[in-house]
Amino acid sequence: MPSQKYETGMRRRRQILGDAYVDAALKASTDLTAPFQELVAEYVWGTIWSREGLDERTRNLINVALMVAMNRPHELQLYIKARHQTGAKLEEISETILQTAVYCGVPAALEAFKEFNAVVESEKAS
């Protein structure tokens, strides 16, 4: 029986990332990786993203900066796209990436802007 945190987390995860992304992640899980999906739902989305201390826009912008810092382009694209649900603006994401150039290095920001442009161009083409 899923916990309340799991249920809350899955609702929040679907709200921010979209059903297609969450369904694909769940479908790709195995008996061995399913516990990780449960952990993500409960703790990332059911605990942290469900706290009242920061709004979703701020959390989204923090995650953009963190994905740049950790060189996680796939997750960076995910959080650039999540702006549609969190209220973060393209200009704010661009400024966040620019800020990372000073603290994470120009090469990290350069790669992040490539991902940023790829998402924006892909959305224009859709």
C-alpha atoms as a PDB file:
ATOM      1  CA  MET A   1       0.000   0.000   0.000  1.00  0.00           C
ATOM      2  CA  PRO A   2       1.585   3.308  -1.061  1.00  0.00           C
ATOM      3  CA  SER A   3       2.178   5.861   1.680  1.00  0.00           C
ATOM      4  CA  GLN A   4       0.513   9.273   1.818  1.00  0.00           C
ATOM      5  CA  LYS A   5       3.888  10.874   0.956  1.00  0.00           C
ATOM      6  CA  TYR A   6       4.126   8.625  -2.098  1.00  0.00           C
ATOM      7  CA  GLU A   7       0.621   9.571  -3.274  1.00  0.00           C
ATOM      8  CA  THR A   8       1.300  13.282  -2.667  1.00  0.00           C
ATOM      9  CA  GLY A   9       4.642  12.958  -4.413  1.00  0.00           C
ATOM     10  CA  MET A  10       3.215  11.249  -7.476  1.00  0.00           C
ATOM     11  CA  ARG A  11       0.569  13.962  -7.843  1.00  0.00           C
ATOM     12  CA  ARG A  12       3.199  16.703  -7.549  1.00  0.00           C
ATOM     13  CA  ARG A  13       5.655  14.889  -9.853  1.00  0.00           C
ATOM     14  CA  ARG A  14       2.966  14.480 -12.517  1.00  0.00           C
ATOM     15  CA  GLN A  15       1.896  18.109 -12.108  1.00  0.00           C
ATOM     16  CA  ILE A  16       5.437  19.467 -12.615  1.00  0.00           C
ATOM     17  CA  LEU A  17       6.985  16.968 -15.033  1.00  0.00           C
ATOM     18  CA  GLY A  18       3.904  15.744 -16.867  1.00  0.00           C
ATOM     19  CA  ASP A  19       2.220  12.373 -17.146  1.00  0.00           C
ATOM     20  CA  ALA A  20       4.238  11.302 -20.198  1.00  0.00           C
ATOM     21  CA  TYR A  21       7.574  11.733 -18.406  1.00  0.00           C
ATOM     22  CA  VAL A  22       6.425  10.040 -15.195  1.00  0.00           C
ATOM     23  CA  ASP A  23       4.739   7.179 -17.058  1.00  0.00           C
ATOM     24  CA  ALA A  24       7.922   6.570 -19.083  1.00  0.00           C
ATOM     25  CA  ALA A  25      10.055   6.564 -15.923  1.00  0.00           C
ATOM     26  CA  LEU A  26       7.732   4.087 -14.223  1.00  0.00           C
ATOM     27  CA  LYS A  27       7.489   1.886 -17.301  1.00  0.00           C
ATOM     28  CA  ALA A  28      11.289   1.753 -17.565  1.00  0.00           C
ATOM     29  CA  SER A  29      11.654   0.624 -13.958  1.00  0.00           C
ATOM     30  CA  THR A  30      12.334  -2.977 -13.068  1.00  0.00           C
ATOM     31  CA  ASP A  31      11.890  -4.985  -9.892  1.00  0.00           C
ATOM     32  CA  LEU A  32      15.365  -3.818  -8.937  1.00  0.00           C
ATOM     33  CA  THR A  33      14.887  -0.125  -9.783  1.00  0.00           C
ATOM     34  CA  ALA A  34      11.267   0.275  -8.617  1.00  0.00           C
ATOM     35  CA  PRO A  35      12.406   1.122  -5.062  1.00  0.00           C
ATOM     36  CA  PHE A  36      14.309   4.088  -6.503  1.00  0.00           C
ATOM     37  CA  GLN A  37      11.137   5.338  -8.206  1.00  0.00           C
ATOM     38  CA  GLU A  38       9.340   5.042  -4.872  1.00  0.00           C
ATOM     39  CA  LEU A  39      12.131   6.989  -3.143  1.00  0.00           C
ATOM     40  CA  VAL A  40      11.926   9.748  -5.768  1.00  0.00           C
ATOM     41  CA  ALA A  41       8.147   9.989  -5.423  1.00  0.00           C
ATOM     42  CA  GLU A  42       8.169  10.014  -1.613  1.00  0.00           C
ATOM     43  CA  TYR A  43      11.185  12.120  -0.779  1.00  0.00           C
ATOM     44  CA  VAL A  44      11.871  14.341  -3.777  1.00  0.00           C
ATOM     45  CA  TRP A  45       8.253  15.115  -4.639  1.00  0.00           C
ATOM     46  CA  GLY A  46       6.245  14.120  -1.561  1.00  0.00           C
ATOM     47  CA  THR A  47       8.595  15.682   0.978  1.00  0.00           C
ATOM     48  CA  ILE A  48      10.818  18.368  -0.570  1.00  0.00           C
ATOM     49  CA  TRP A  49       8.732  19.692  -3.473  1.00  0.00           C
ATOM     50  CA  SER A  50       5.630  19.630  -1.239  1.00  0.00           C
ATOM     51  CA  ARG A  51       7.090  21.822   1.498  1.00  0.00           C
ATOM     52  CA  GLU A  52       5.749  25.347   1.888  1.00  0.00           C
ATOM     53  CA  GLY A  53       9.113  27.105   2.374  1.00  0.00           C
ATOM     54  CA  LEU A  54       9.727  27.800  -1.337  1.00  0.00           C
ATOM     55  CA  ASP A  55       7.351  28.177  -4.238  1.00  0.00           C
ATOM     56  CA  GLU A  56       7.562  25.909  -7.284  1.00  0.00           C
ATOM     57  CA  ARG A  57       9.127  28.627  -9.455  1.00  0.00           C
ATOM     58  CA  THR A  58      11.987  29.097  -7.008  1.00  0.00           C
ATOM     59  CA  ARG A  59      12.531  25.347  -6.646  1.00  0.00           C
ATOM     60  CA  ASN A  60      12.579  25.046 -10.439  1.00  0.00           C
ATOM     61  CA  LEU A  61      15.214  27.788 -10.797  1.00  0.00           C
ATOM     62  CA  ILE A  62      17.342  26.218  -8.057  1.00  0.00           C
ATOM     63  CA  ASN A  63      17.183  22.897  -9.882  1.00  0.00           C
ATOM     64  CA  VAL A  64      18.255  24.550 -13.135  1.00  0.00           C
ATOM     65  CA  ALA A  65      21.348  25.908 -11.370  1.00  0.00           C
ATOM     66  CA  LEU A  66      22.050  22.550  -9.735  1.00  0.00           C
ATOM     67  CA  MET A  67      21.764  20.645 -13.014  1.00  0.00           C
ATOM     68  CA  VAL A  68      24.244  23.059 -14.592  1.00  0.00           C
ATOM     69  CA  ALA A  69      26.619  22.633 -11.648  1.00  0.00           C
ATOM     70  CA  MET A  70      26.402  18.840 -11.822  1.00  0.00           C
ATOM     71  CA  ASN A  71      26.518  18.684 -15.634  1.00  0.00           C
ATOM     72  CA  ARG A  72      23.203  16.866 -15.973  1.00  0.00           C
ATOM     73  CA  PRO A  73      21.919  17.959 -19.418  1.00  0.00           C
ATOM     74  CA  HIS A  74      18.944  15.573 -19.540  1.00  0.00           C
ATOM     75  CA  GLU A  75      17.666  16.758 -16.160  1.00  0.00           C
ATOM     76  CA  LEU A  76      18.452  20.368 -17.131  1.00  0.00           C
ATOM     77  CA  GLN A  77      16.164  20.052 -20.152  1.00  0.00           C
ATOM     78  CA  LEU A  78      13.512  18.520 -17.928  1.00  0.00           C
ATOM     79  CA  TYR A  79      13.554  21.520 -15.580  1.00  0.00           C
ATOM     80  CA  ILE A  80      13.651  24.017 -18.443  1.00  0.00           C
ATOM     81  CA  LYS A  81      10.460  22.383 -19.744  1.00  0.00           C
ATOM     82  CA  ALA A  82       8.957  22.281 -16.239  1.00  0.00           C
ATOM     83  CA  ARG A  83       8.772  26.088 -16.312  1.00  0.00           C
ATOM     84  CA  HIS A  84       5.371  25.743 -17.989  1.00  0.00           C
ATOM     85  CA  GLN A  85       4.015  24.281 -14.757  1.00  0.00           C
ATOM     86  CA  THR A  86       6.052  26.229 -12.212  1.00  0.00           C
ATOM     87  CA  GLY A  87       5.714  29.726 -13.604  1.00  0.00           C
ATOM     88  CA  ALA A  88       9.444  30.253 -14.198  1.00  0.00           C
ATOM     89  CA  LYS A  89      10.043  32.458 -17.225  1.00  0.00           C
ATOM     90  CA  LEU A  90      12.543  31.842 -20.006  1.00  0.00           C
ATOM     91  CA  GLU A  91      14.299  35.068 -19.028  1.00  0.00           C
ATOM     92  CA  GLU A  92      14.661  33.841 -15.430  1.00  0.00           C
ATOM     93  CA  ILE A  93      16.086  30.523 -16.571  1.00  0.00           C
ATOM     94  CA  SER A  94      18.518  32.341 -18.844  1.00  0.00           C
ATOM     95  CA  GLU A  95      19.585  34.577 -15.950  1.00  0.00           C
ATOM     96  CA  THR A  96      19.978  31.534 -13.708  1.00  0.00           C
ATOM     97  CA  ILE A  97      22.260  29.887 -16.268  1.00  0.00           C
ATOM     98  CA  LEU A  98      24.209  33.130 -16.659  1.00  0.00           C
ATOM     99  CA  GLN A  99      24.683  33.233 -12.884  1.00  0.00           C
ATOM    100  CA  THR A 100      26.112  29.716 -13.003  1.00  0.00           C
ATOM    101  CA  ALA A 101      28.822  30.897 -15.396  1.00  0.00           C
ATOM    102  CA  VAL A 102      30.432  32.791 -12.521  1.00  0.00           C
ATOM    103  CA  TYR A 103      30.042  30.094  -9.878  1.00  0.00           C
ATOM    104  CA  CYS A 104      30.222  26.856 -11.908  1.00  0.00           C
ATOM    105  CA  GLY A 105      32.389  27.974 -14.799  1.00  0.00           C
ATOM    106  CA  VAL A 106      31.879  29.243 -18.307  1.00  0.00           C
ATOM    107  CA  PRO A 107      32.087  25.762 -19.905  1.00  0.00           C
ATOM    108  CA  ALA A 108      29.219  24.544 -17.706  1.00  0.00           C
ATOM    109  CA  ALA A 109      27.104  27.571 -18.620  1.00  0.00           C
ATOM    110  CA  LEU A 110      27.987  27.170 -22.304  1.00  0.00           C
ATOM    111  CA  GLU A 111      26.693  23.592 -22.294  1.00  0.00           C
ATOM    112  CA  ALA A 112      23.625  24.679 -20.345  1.00  0.00           C
ATOM    113  CA  PHE A 113      22.806  27.390 -22.877  1.00  0.00           C
ATOM    114  CA  LYS A 114      23.071  24.765 -25.631  1.00  0.00           C
ATOM    115  CA  GLU A 115      20.455  22.680 -23.811  1.00  0.00           C
ATOM    116  CA  PHE A 116      18.366  25.799 -23.159  1.00  0.00           C
ATOM    117  CA  ASN A 117      18.372  26.696 -26.858  1.00  0.00           C
ATOM    118  CA  ALA A 118      17.563  23.103 -27.839  1.00  0.00           C
ATOM    119  CA  VAL A 119      14.461  23.102 -25.625  1.00  0.00           C
ATOM    120  CA  VAL A 120      13.294  26.509 -26.837  1.00  0.00           C
ATOM    121  CA  GLU A 121      13.800  25.581 -30.513  1.00  0.00           C
ATOM    122  CA  SER A 122      12.078  22.229 -30.017  1.00  0.00           C
ATOM    123  CA  GLU A 123       9.093  23.939 -28.440  1.00  0.00           C
ATOM    124  CA  LYS A 124       8.900  26.462 -31.281  1.00  0.00           C
ATOM    125  CA  ALA A 125       8.869  23.609 -33.797  1.00  0.00           C
ATOM    126  CA  SER A 126       6.006  21.838 -31.991  1.00  0.00           C
END
